N, C-alpha and C. Protein backbone atom coordinates (compact mmCIF):
# COMPACT_ATOMS: atom_id res chain seq x y z
N UNK A 1 -1.59 -3.12 -15.22
CA UNK A 1 -2.91 -2.68 -15.60
C UNK A 1 -3.62 -2.03 -14.43
N UNK A 2 -3.73 -2.71 -13.31
CA UNK A 2 -4.48 -2.20 -12.17
C UNK A 2 -3.58 -1.47 -11.17
N UNK A 3 -2.36 -1.14 -11.56
CA UNK A 3 -1.41 -0.58 -10.60
C UNK A 3 -1.58 0.92 -10.38
N UNK A 4 -2.09 1.65 -11.36
CA UNK A 4 -2.11 3.11 -11.26
C UNK A 4 -3.44 3.60 -10.70
N UNK A 5 -3.41 4.27 -9.54
CA UNK A 5 -4.66 4.74 -8.93
C UNK A 5 -5.23 5.94 -9.67
N UNK A 6 -4.45 6.60 -10.51
CA UNK A 6 -4.94 7.73 -11.28
C UNK A 6 -5.50 7.30 -12.64
N UNK A 7 -5.44 6.01 -12.94
CA UNK A 7 -5.99 5.48 -14.18
C UNK A 7 -7.50 5.70 -14.17
N UNK A 8 -8.08 5.91 -15.34
CA UNK A 8 -9.52 6.18 -15.42
C UNK A 8 -10.36 5.00 -14.95
N UNK A 9 -9.84 3.79 -14.99
CA UNK A 9 -10.60 2.64 -14.54
C UNK A 9 -10.74 2.58 -13.03
N UNK A 10 -9.80 3.16 -12.28
CA UNK A 10 -9.82 3.14 -10.82
C UNK A 10 -10.30 4.47 -10.30
N UNK A 11 -11.40 4.47 -9.58
CA UNK A 11 -11.84 5.71 -8.94
C UNK A 11 -12.72 5.36 -7.74
N UNK A 12 -12.74 6.20 -6.74
CA UNK A 12 -13.61 5.94 -5.59
C UNK A 12 -15.07 6.02 -5.99
N UNK A 13 -15.88 5.16 -5.43
CA UNK A 13 -17.33 5.17 -5.67
C UNK A 13 -17.96 5.78 -4.42
N UNK A 14 -18.16 7.10 -4.45
CA UNK A 14 -18.59 7.83 -3.26
C UNK A 14 -20.08 8.14 -3.30
N UNK A 15 -20.82 7.60 -2.34
CA UNK A 15 -22.23 7.90 -2.13
C UNK A 15 -22.42 8.11 -0.64
N UNK A 16 -23.63 8.45 -0.23
CA UNK A 16 -23.91 8.63 1.20
C UNK A 16 -23.68 7.32 1.95
N UNK A 17 -24.12 6.23 1.37
CA UNK A 17 -23.99 4.94 2.02
C UNK A 17 -22.52 4.51 2.15
N UNK A 18 -21.73 4.71 1.10
CA UNK A 18 -20.33 4.31 1.17
C UNK A 18 -19.54 5.19 2.14
N UNK A 19 -19.90 6.46 2.22
CA UNK A 19 -19.20 7.33 3.16
C UNK A 19 -19.53 6.98 4.61
N UNK A 20 -20.75 6.53 4.86
CA UNK A 20 -21.12 6.10 6.21
C UNK A 20 -20.36 4.83 6.59
N UNK A 21 -20.14 3.94 5.61
CA UNK A 21 -19.42 2.70 5.88
C UNK A 21 -17.93 2.93 6.14
N UNK A 22 -17.38 4.05 5.65
CA UNK A 22 -15.96 4.33 5.87
C UNK A 22 -15.68 4.65 7.33
N UNK A 23 -16.66 5.20 8.04
CA UNK A 23 -16.46 5.58 9.43
C UNK A 23 -16.99 4.54 10.41
N UNK A 24 -17.36 3.37 9.91
CA UNK A 24 -17.87 2.30 10.76
C UNK A 24 -16.72 1.68 11.56
N UNK A 25 -17.04 0.88 12.60
CA UNK A 25 -15.97 0.22 13.36
C UNK A 25 -15.09 -0.67 12.49
N UNK A 26 -15.69 -1.31 11.49
CA UNK A 26 -14.92 -2.10 10.52
C UNK A 26 -15.06 -1.40 9.17
N UNK A 27 -14.10 -0.53 8.80
CA UNK A 27 -14.27 0.32 7.62
C UNK A 27 -14.33 -0.45 6.31
N UNK A 28 -15.20 0.02 5.41
CA UNK A 28 -15.36 -0.54 4.08
C UNK A 28 -15.24 0.61 3.09
N UNK A 29 -14.32 0.49 2.13
CA UNK A 29 -14.12 1.50 1.10
C UNK A 29 -14.55 0.93 -0.24
N UNK A 30 -15.18 1.76 -1.06
CA UNK A 30 -15.76 1.30 -2.32
C UNK A 30 -15.08 1.98 -3.50
N UNK A 31 -14.76 1.18 -4.53
CA UNK A 31 -14.10 1.67 -5.74
C UNK A 31 -14.85 1.18 -6.96
N UNK A 32 -14.64 1.87 -8.08
CA UNK A 32 -15.03 1.38 -9.39
C UNK A 32 -13.75 0.89 -10.04
N UNK A 33 -13.74 -0.36 -10.48
CA UNK A 33 -12.52 -0.98 -10.99
C UNK A 33 -12.66 -1.31 -12.47
N UNK A 34 -11.53 -1.54 -13.17
CA UNK A 34 -11.59 -1.98 -14.56
C UNK A 34 -12.28 -3.34 -14.66
N UNK A 35 -12.94 -3.59 -15.76
CA UNK A 35 -13.70 -4.82 -15.94
C UNK A 35 -12.80 -6.06 -15.94
N UNK A 36 -11.56 -5.92 -16.32
CA UNK A 36 -10.67 -7.08 -16.43
C UNK A 36 -9.98 -7.44 -15.11
N UNK A 37 -10.10 -6.61 -14.08
CA UNK A 37 -9.41 -6.84 -12.81
C UNK A 37 -10.08 -7.96 -12.02
N UNK A 38 -9.26 -8.79 -11.34
CA UNK A 38 -9.81 -9.83 -10.47
C UNK A 38 -9.46 -9.51 -9.02
N UNK A 39 -9.93 -10.35 -8.09
CA UNK A 39 -9.77 -10.05 -6.66
C UNK A 39 -8.31 -9.93 -6.23
N UNK A 40 -7.46 -10.82 -6.70
CA UNK A 40 -6.05 -10.77 -6.27
C UNK A 40 -5.37 -9.51 -6.81
N UNK A 41 -5.63 -9.14 -8.06
CA UNK A 41 -5.06 -7.91 -8.61
C UNK A 41 -5.55 -6.69 -7.84
N UNK A 42 -6.84 -6.70 -7.51
CA UNK A 42 -7.43 -5.58 -6.78
C UNK A 42 -6.80 -5.44 -5.41
N UNK A 43 -6.64 -6.56 -4.71
CA UNK A 43 -6.06 -6.54 -3.36
C UNK A 43 -4.63 -6.01 -3.39
N UNK A 44 -3.84 -6.45 -4.38
CA UNK A 44 -2.46 -5.99 -4.50
C UNK A 44 -2.40 -4.50 -4.85
N UNK A 45 -3.26 -4.06 -5.77
CA UNK A 45 -3.25 -2.67 -6.20
C UNK A 45 -3.67 -1.73 -5.07
N UNK A 46 -4.70 -2.10 -4.30
CA UNK A 46 -5.14 -1.27 -3.19
C UNK A 46 -4.04 -1.18 -2.13
N UNK A 47 -3.43 -2.31 -1.82
CA UNK A 47 -2.34 -2.32 -0.84
C UNK A 47 -1.16 -1.47 -1.27
N UNK A 48 -0.81 -1.54 -2.55
CA UNK A 48 0.34 -0.79 -3.05
C UNK A 48 0.06 0.71 -3.16
N UNK A 49 -1.11 1.07 -3.69
CA UNK A 49 -1.41 2.47 -3.95
C UNK A 49 -1.81 3.26 -2.71
N UNK A 50 -2.44 2.60 -1.74
CA UNK A 50 -2.95 3.32 -0.57
C UNK A 50 -2.27 2.91 0.74
N UNK A 51 -1.24 2.07 0.70
CA UNK A 51 -0.46 1.64 1.87
C UNK A 51 -1.36 1.10 2.99
N UNK A 52 -2.30 0.23 2.65
CA UNK A 52 -3.15 -0.45 3.63
C UNK A 52 -3.15 -1.94 3.30
N UNK A 53 -3.58 -2.76 4.27
CA UNK A 53 -3.66 -4.19 4.04
C UNK A 53 -5.12 -4.61 4.09
N UNK A 54 -5.74 -4.86 2.92
CA UNK A 54 -7.14 -5.27 2.91
C UNK A 54 -7.34 -6.63 3.55
N UNK A 55 -8.37 -6.77 4.37
CA UNK A 55 -8.73 -8.05 4.97
C UNK A 55 -9.52 -8.88 3.97
N UNK A 56 -10.49 -8.23 3.33
CA UNK A 56 -11.37 -8.93 2.41
C UNK A 56 -11.74 -8.01 1.26
N UNK A 57 -11.93 -8.60 0.09
CA UNK A 57 -12.34 -7.85 -1.09
C UNK A 57 -13.56 -8.53 -1.68
N UNK A 58 -14.61 -7.76 -1.92
CA UNK A 58 -15.81 -8.27 -2.58
C UNK A 58 -15.99 -7.53 -3.89
N UNK A 59 -16.39 -8.26 -4.93
CA UNK A 59 -16.56 -7.69 -6.25
C UNK A 59 -18.01 -7.84 -6.69
N UNK A 60 -18.59 -6.74 -7.17
CA UNK A 60 -19.96 -6.73 -7.66
C UNK A 60 -19.93 -6.27 -9.10
N UNK A 61 -20.42 -7.10 -10.01
CA UNK A 61 -20.52 -6.71 -11.41
C UNK A 61 -21.88 -6.04 -11.62
N UNK A 62 -21.85 -4.75 -11.88
CA UNK A 62 -23.08 -3.99 -12.11
C UNK A 62 -23.37 -4.08 -13.61
N UNK A 63 -24.52 -4.63 -14.01
CA UNK A 63 -24.79 -4.84 -15.44
C UNK A 63 -25.09 -3.52 -16.16
N UNK A 64 -24.92 -3.56 -17.48
CA UNK A 64 -25.27 -2.40 -18.30
C UNK A 64 -26.79 -2.29 -18.38
N UNK A 65 -27.27 -1.08 -18.66
CA UNK A 65 -28.71 -0.85 -18.71
C UNK A 65 -29.08 -0.16 -20.03
N UNK A 66 -30.22 -0.55 -20.55
CA UNK A 66 -30.74 0.10 -21.75
C UNK A 66 -31.61 1.27 -21.33
N UNK A 67 -31.52 2.36 -22.10
CA UNK A 67 -32.33 3.53 -21.80
C UNK A 67 -32.65 4.26 -23.09
N UNK A 68 -33.50 5.24 -23.00
CA UNK A 68 -33.84 6.05 -24.16
C UNK A 68 -33.32 7.46 -23.87
N UNK A 69 -32.44 7.94 -24.74
CA UNK A 69 -31.82 9.24 -24.60
C UNK A 69 -32.19 10.08 -25.81
N UNK A 70 -32.90 11.17 -25.58
CA UNK A 70 -33.36 12.06 -26.65
C UNK A 70 -34.14 11.30 -27.73
N UNK A 71 -34.98 10.39 -27.27
CA UNK A 71 -35.84 9.65 -28.18
C UNK A 71 -35.18 8.50 -28.91
N UNK A 72 -33.92 8.24 -28.61
CA UNK A 72 -33.19 7.15 -29.28
C UNK A 72 -32.72 6.14 -28.26
N UNK A 73 -32.70 4.88 -28.63
CA UNK A 73 -32.20 3.87 -27.69
C UNK A 73 -30.71 4.06 -27.44
N UNK A 74 -30.31 3.88 -26.21
CA UNK A 74 -28.91 4.02 -25.82
C UNK A 74 -28.60 2.95 -24.79
N UNK A 75 -27.34 2.86 -24.41
CA UNK A 75 -26.92 1.86 -23.45
C UNK A 75 -26.00 2.50 -22.43
N UNK A 76 -26.34 2.37 -21.15
CA UNK A 76 -25.50 2.86 -20.07
C UNK A 76 -24.52 1.73 -19.75
N UNK A 77 -23.22 1.96 -19.81
CA UNK A 77 -22.28 0.86 -19.63
C UNK A 77 -22.27 0.30 -18.21
N UNK A 78 -21.99 -0.98 -18.10
CA UNK A 78 -21.85 -1.60 -16.79
C UNK A 78 -20.45 -1.35 -16.25
N UNK A 79 -20.24 -1.70 -15.00
CA UNK A 79 -18.93 -1.52 -14.38
C UNK A 79 -18.76 -2.52 -13.26
N UNK A 80 -17.59 -2.56 -12.69
CA UNK A 80 -17.26 -3.46 -11.60
C UNK A 80 -17.08 -2.64 -10.34
N UNK A 81 -17.90 -2.93 -9.32
CA UNK A 81 -17.81 -2.22 -8.04
C UNK A 81 -17.07 -3.12 -7.06
N UNK A 82 -16.12 -2.54 -6.33
CA UNK A 82 -15.26 -3.30 -5.41
C UNK A 82 -15.45 -2.77 -4.00
N UNK A 83 -15.73 -3.67 -3.06
CA UNK A 83 -15.82 -3.33 -1.64
C UNK A 83 -14.55 -3.84 -0.97
N UNK A 84 -13.78 -2.95 -0.36
CA UNK A 84 -12.52 -3.29 0.29
C UNK A 84 -12.70 -3.15 1.80
N UNK A 85 -12.57 -4.25 2.52
CA UNK A 85 -12.71 -4.27 3.98
C UNK A 85 -11.32 -4.13 4.59
N UNK A 86 -11.19 -3.18 5.52
CA UNK A 86 -9.91 -2.94 6.21
C UNK A 86 -10.05 -3.28 7.68
N UNK A 87 -8.91 -3.46 8.33
CA UNK A 87 -8.95 -3.72 9.77
C UNK A 87 -9.30 -2.43 10.51
N UNK A 88 -9.87 -2.54 11.71
CA UNK A 88 -10.24 -1.33 12.47
C UNK A 88 -9.04 -0.42 12.69
N UNK A 89 -9.26 0.87 12.49
CA UNK A 89 -8.19 1.84 12.67
C UNK A 89 -7.50 2.23 11.37
N UNK A 90 -7.56 1.40 10.35
CA UNK A 90 -6.95 1.75 9.07
C UNK A 90 -7.91 2.62 8.26
N UNK A 91 -7.34 3.49 7.45
CA UNK A 91 -8.14 4.40 6.66
C UNK A 91 -7.44 4.68 5.35
N UNK A 92 -8.20 4.99 4.32
CA UNK A 92 -7.64 5.36 3.03
C UNK A 92 -7.81 6.86 2.86
N UNK A 93 -6.71 7.54 2.52
CA UNK A 93 -6.75 8.97 2.26
C UNK A 93 -6.97 9.14 0.75
N UNK A 94 -8.07 9.78 0.36
CA UNK A 94 -8.45 9.88 -1.05
C UNK A 94 -7.57 10.84 -1.84
N UNK A 95 -6.72 11.59 -1.23
CA UNK A 95 -5.92 12.59 -1.95
C UNK A 95 -4.73 11.99 -2.63
């Protein structure tokens, strides 16, 4: 399930803040993960797909939000945000 990095559930979560954290002395990379993935699956998948050894993995469940779209109630889906901490000197190539 969590093995394919090209799967729609796995994608980098790129913002100004996450890009600044990638170049820090202790790099942190951020992903959007499938809702069913847990920490051990995430750690194995990141290690296998990007050839790095994560030190620590943190998971943040971002809740869904209600909104009004074109005058009608709608729902913005929630997702799972994953912070992957790597050892100094390691880097993930997004290509």
